[in-house]
Amino acid sequence: MAVHDECKLKFLDLKTKRKYRFIVFKIDEKIQQVMVEKVGGHDETYADFTASIPANECRYAVFDFDFTTDENCQKSKIYFIAWSPDTSKIRSKMLYASSKDRFKRELDGIQVELQATDPSEMSFDIIKARAL
């Protein structure tokens, strides 16, 4: 599975320049390559992010989560989310599952990984709980 250069460049912009809040990636099955599907501006919210992930299709995504610790410190963590809903095609689920580790290695700087098959598994509360 190839990874389009744009994936790495956009991720670098998210990580170092904090240009984006999130990036959604999809696998183009015809050319067997991971591509950028959508980027969310830095002012977008977690609700905007979840709305941009299709309900019945697999996707990879990264989300830059800003939070405040109990000691009142501003922090940020980069999440890698593997979205594989139960309602997606089996072939698609297998393709995303088998390509995940290789793709994740291309994105240096992921701090938290989340596997979700249902929207409740990537709710804002879960994201927040995993950050602290």
C-alpha atoms as a PDB file:
ATOM      1  CA  MET A   1       0.000   0.000   0.000  1.00  0.00           C
ATOM      2  CA  ALA A   2       1.507   3.306  -1.097  1.00  0.00           C
ATOM      3  CA  VAL A   3       1.115   6.536   0.853  1.00  0.00           C
ATOM      4  CA  HIS A   4       0.653   9.743  -1.134  1.00  0.00           C
ATOM      5  CA  ASP A   5       3.235  12.431  -0.257  1.00  0.00           C
ATOM      6  CA  GLU A   6       0.419  14.874   0.508  1.00  0.00           C
ATOM      7  CA  CYS A   7      -0.536  12.701   3.525  1.00  0.00           C
ATOM      8  CA  LYS A   8       2.876  13.188   5.101  1.00  0.00           C
ATOM      9  CA  LEU A   9       3.074  16.896   4.224  1.00  0.00           C
ATOM     10  CA  LYS A  10      -0.376  17.718   5.637  1.00  0.00           C
ATOM     11  CA  PHE A  11       0.399  15.727   8.791  1.00  0.00           C
ATOM     12  CA  LEU A  12       3.663  17.660   9.210  1.00  0.00           C
ATOM     13  CA  ASP A  13       1.709  20.929   8.885  1.00  0.00           C
ATOM     14  CA  LEU A  14      -0.735  19.727  11.556  1.00  0.00           C
ATOM     15  CA  LYS A  15       2.043  18.600  13.901  1.00  0.00           C
ATOM     16  CA  THR A  16       4.590  21.405  13.558  1.00  0.00           C
ATOM     17  CA  LYS A  17       2.701  24.434  12.311  1.00  0.00           C
ATOM     18  CA  ARG A  18      -0.673  23.549  13.892  1.00  0.00           C
ATOM     19  CA  LYS A  19      -2.264  24.577  10.608  1.00  0.00           C
ATOM     20  CA  TYR A  20      -5.092  22.021  10.814  1.00  0.00           C
ATOM     21  CA  ARG A  21      -7.342  20.576  13.531  1.00  0.00           C
ATOM     22  CA  PHE A  22      -7.823  17.254  11.744  1.00  0.00           C
ATOM     23  CA  ILE A  23      -7.095  15.273   8.583  1.00  0.00           C
ATOM     24  CA  VAL A  24      -9.249  12.458   7.189  1.00  0.00           C
ATOM     25  CA  PHE A  25      -7.511   9.897   4.963  1.00  0.00           C
ATOM     26  CA  LYS A  26      -9.019   7.307   2.633  1.00  0.00           C
ATOM     27  CA  ILE A  27      -7.604   4.432   0.636  1.00  0.00           C
ATOM     28  CA  ASP A  28      -8.134   4.733  -3.095  1.00  0.00           C
ATOM     29  CA  GLU A  29      -8.683   1.063  -3.862  1.00  0.00           C
ATOM     30  CA  LYS A  30      -8.132   1.466  -7.621  1.00  0.00           C
ATOM     31  CA  ILE A  31      -4.564   2.686  -7.244  1.00  0.00           C
ATOM     32  CA  GLN A  32      -3.900   1.122  -3.811  1.00  0.00           C
ATOM     33  CA  GLN A  33      -2.842   4.389  -2.200  1.00  0.00           C
ATOM     34  CA  VAL A  34      -3.709   6.312   0.962  1.00  0.00           C
ATOM     35  CA  MET A  35      -4.880   9.841   0.061  1.00  0.00           C
ATOM     36  CA  VAL A  36      -5.989  12.956   1.960  1.00  0.00           C
ATOM     37  CA  GLU A  37      -9.781  13.205   1.777  1.00  0.00           C
ATOM     38  CA  LYS A  38     -10.441  16.255   3.949  1.00  0.00           C
ATOM     39  CA  VAL A  39      -8.598  18.689   6.184  1.00  0.00           C
ATOM     40  CA  GLY A  40     -10.217  20.719   8.937  1.00  0.00           C
ATOM     41  CA  GLY A  41      -9.019  24.219   9.716  1.00  0.00           C
ATOM     42  CA  HIS A  42      -7.595  24.970  13.149  1.00  0.00           C
ATOM     43  CA  ASP A  43     -10.839  26.667  14.226  1.00  0.00           C
ATOM     44  CA  GLU A  44     -12.979  23.572  13.566  1.00  0.00           C
ATOM     45  CA  THR A  45     -14.350  21.484  16.439  1.00  0.00           C
ATOM     46  CA  TYR A  46     -14.499  17.799  17.310  1.00  0.00           C
ATOM     47  CA  ALA A  47     -18.130  17.809  16.095  1.00  0.00           C
ATOM     48  CA  ASP A  48     -16.950  19.075  12.686  1.00  0.00           C
ATOM     49  CA  PHE A  49     -14.393  16.280  12.653  1.00  0.00           C
ATOM     50  CA  THR A  50     -16.877  13.492  13.424  1.00  0.00           C
ATOM     51  CA  ALA A  51     -19.316  14.919  10.850  1.00  0.00           C
ATOM     52  CA  SER A  52     -16.645  14.616   8.152  1.00  0.00           C
ATOM     53  CA  ILE A  53     -16.170  10.869   8.658  1.00  0.00           C
ATOM     54  CA  PRO A  54     -18.605   8.766   6.592  1.00  0.00           C
ATOM     55  CA  ALA A  55     -20.921   6.569   8.670  1.00  0.00           C
ATOM     56  CA  ASN A  56     -20.619   3.440   6.493  1.00  0.00           C
ATOM     57  CA  GLU A  57     -17.077   3.583   5.116  1.00  0.00           C
ATOM     58  CA  CYS A  58     -13.667   2.961   6.675  1.00  0.00           C
ATOM     59  CA  ARG A  59     -11.241   5.848   7.129  1.00  0.00           C
ATOM     60  CA  TYR A  60      -8.061   6.811   8.925  1.00  0.00           C
ATOM     61  CA  ALA A  61      -7.932  10.166  10.648  1.00  0.00           C
ATOM     62  CA  VAL A  62      -5.690  12.296  12.829  1.00  0.00           C
ATOM     63  CA  PHE A  63      -7.057  14.827  15.276  1.00  0.00           C
ATOM     64  CA  ASP A  64      -5.107  17.465  17.190  1.00  0.00           C
ATOM     65  CA  PHE A  65      -6.791  17.652  20.599  1.00  0.00           C
ATOM     66  CA  ASP A  66      -6.148  20.684  22.831  1.00  0.00           C
ATOM     67  CA  PHE A  67      -6.951  20.321  26.527  1.00  0.00           C
ATOM     68  CA  THR A  68      -6.186  21.725  29.953  1.00  0.00           C
ATOM     69  CA  THR A  69      -4.720  19.469  32.648  1.00  0.00           C
ATOM     70  CA  ASP A  70      -5.817  19.419  36.284  1.00  0.00           C
ATOM     71  CA  GLU A  71      -2.770  21.615  37.009  1.00  0.00           C
ATOM     72  CA  ASN A  72      -4.215  24.180  34.560  1.00  0.00           C
ATOM     73  CA  CYS A  73      -1.588  23.557  31.846  1.00  0.00           C
ATOM     74  CA  GLN A  74      -2.509  23.881  28.155  1.00  0.00           C
ATOM     75  CA  LYS A  75      -1.548  20.703  26.311  1.00  0.00           C
ATOM     76  CA  SER A  76      -2.161  19.040  22.980  1.00  0.00           C
ATOM     77  CA  LYS A  77      -2.150  15.419  21.828  1.00  0.00           C
ATOM     78  CA  ILE A  78      -2.321  14.013  18.315  1.00  0.00           C
ATOM     79  CA  TYR A  79      -4.734  11.115  17.930  1.00  0.00           C
ATOM     80  CA  PHE A  80      -4.692   8.494  15.206  1.00  0.00           C
ATOM     81  CA  ILE A  81      -8.176   7.078  14.689  1.00  0.00           C
ATOM     82  CA  ALA A  82      -8.855   3.966  12.647  1.00  0.00           C
ATOM     83  CA  TRP A  83     -12.563   4.122  11.766  1.00  0.00           C
ATOM     84  CA  SER A  84     -13.951   0.782  10.646  1.00  0.00           C
ATOM     85  CA  PRO A  85     -17.738   0.703  11.107  1.00  0.00           C
ATOM     86  CA  ASP A  86     -19.538  -2.636  11.324  1.00  0.00           C
ATOM     87  CA  THR A  87     -21.685  -1.541   8.360  1.00  0.00           C
ATOM     88  CA  SER A  88     -18.737  -1.109   5.962  1.00  0.00           C
ATOM     89  CA  LYS A  89     -17.795  -3.721   3.350  1.00  0.00           C
ATOM     90  CA  ILE A  90     -15.722  -6.657   4.616  1.00  0.00           C
ATOM     91  CA  ARG A  91     -13.117  -6.180   1.877  1.00  0.00           C
ATOM     92  CA  SER A  92     -12.714  -2.546   2.876  1.00  0.00           C
ATOM     93  CA  LYS A  93     -12.335  -3.458   6.571  1.00  0.00           C
ATOM     94  CA  MET A  94      -9.650  -6.007   5.702  1.00  0.00           C
ATOM     95  CA  LEU A  95      -7.775  -3.511   3.510  1.00  0.00           C
ATOM     96  CA  TYR A  96      -7.791  -0.800   6.196  1.00  0.00           C
ATOM     97  CA  ALA A  97      -6.815  -3.267   8.945  1.00  0.00           C
ATOM     98  CA  SER A  98      -3.895  -4.685   6.962  1.00  0.00           C
ATOM     99  CA  SER A  99      -2.571  -1.239   5.944  1.00  0.00           C
ATOM    100  CA  LYS A 100      -2.959   0.547   9.287  1.00  0.00           C
ATOM    101  CA  ASP A 101       0.442  -0.118  10.869  1.00  0.00           C
ATOM    102  CA  ARG A 102       2.381   0.705   7.725  1.00  0.00           C
ATOM    103  CA  PHE A 103       0.451   3.968   7.261  1.00  0.00           C
ATOM    104  CA  LYS A 104       0.812   4.918  10.929  1.00  0.00           C
ATOM    105  CA  ARG A 105       4.593   4.512  10.704  1.00  0.00           C
ATOM    106  CA  GLU A 106       4.624   7.185   7.990  1.00  0.00           C
ATOM    107  CA  LEU A 107       3.063   9.683  10.421  1.00  0.00           C
ATOM    108  CA  ASP A 108       5.747  10.324  12.999  1.00  0.00           C
ATOM    109  CA  GLY A 109       4.350  11.991  16.120  1.00  0.00           C
ATOM    110  CA  ILE A 110       1.112  10.111  16.838  1.00  0.00           C
ATOM    111  CA  GLN A 111       0.551  10.083  20.602  1.00  0.00           C
ATOM    112  CA  VAL A 112      -2.723   8.189  21.064  1.00  0.00           C
ATOM    113  CA  GLU A 113      -4.265   5.493  18.888  1.00  0.00           C
ATOM    114  CA  LEU A 114      -7.967   4.730  18.822  1.00  0.00           C
ATOM    115  CA  GLN A 115      -9.799   1.954  16.978  1.00  0.00           C
ATOM    116  CA  ALA A 116     -13.507   2.654  16.486  1.00  0.00           C
ATOM    117  CA  THR A 117     -16.290   0.586  14.916  1.00  0.00           C
ATOM    118  CA  ASP A 118     -19.143   2.666  16.289  1.00  0.00           C
ATOM    119  CA  PRO A 119     -19.505   6.457  16.891  1.00  0.00           C
ATOM    120  CA  SER A 120     -19.744   5.879  20.650  1.00  0.00           C
ATOM    121  CA  GLU A 121     -16.188   4.443  20.618  1.00  0.00           C
ATOM    122  CA  MET A 122     -14.793   7.795  19.511  1.00  0.00           C
ATOM    123  CA  SER A 123     -17.030  10.127  21.460  1.00  0.00           C
ATOM    124  CA  PHE A 124     -15.594  13.385  22.779  1.00  0.00           C
ATOM    125  CA  ASP A 125     -15.648  11.973  26.333  1.00  0.00           C
ATOM    126  CA  ILE A 126     -13.433   9.045  25.297  1.00  0.00           C
ATOM    127  CA  ILE A 127     -11.012  11.372  23.487  1.00  0.00           C
ATOM    128  CA  LYS A 128     -10.847  13.565  26.589  1.00  0.00           C
ATOM    129  CA  ALA A 129     -10.391  10.622  28.957  1.00  0.00           C
ATOM    130  CA  ARG A 130      -7.514   9.201  26.872  1.00  0.00           C
ATOM    131  CA  ALA A 131      -5.722  12.583  26.902  1.00  0.00           C
ATOM    132  CA  LEU A 132      -5.391  12.888  30.662  1.00  0.00           C
END
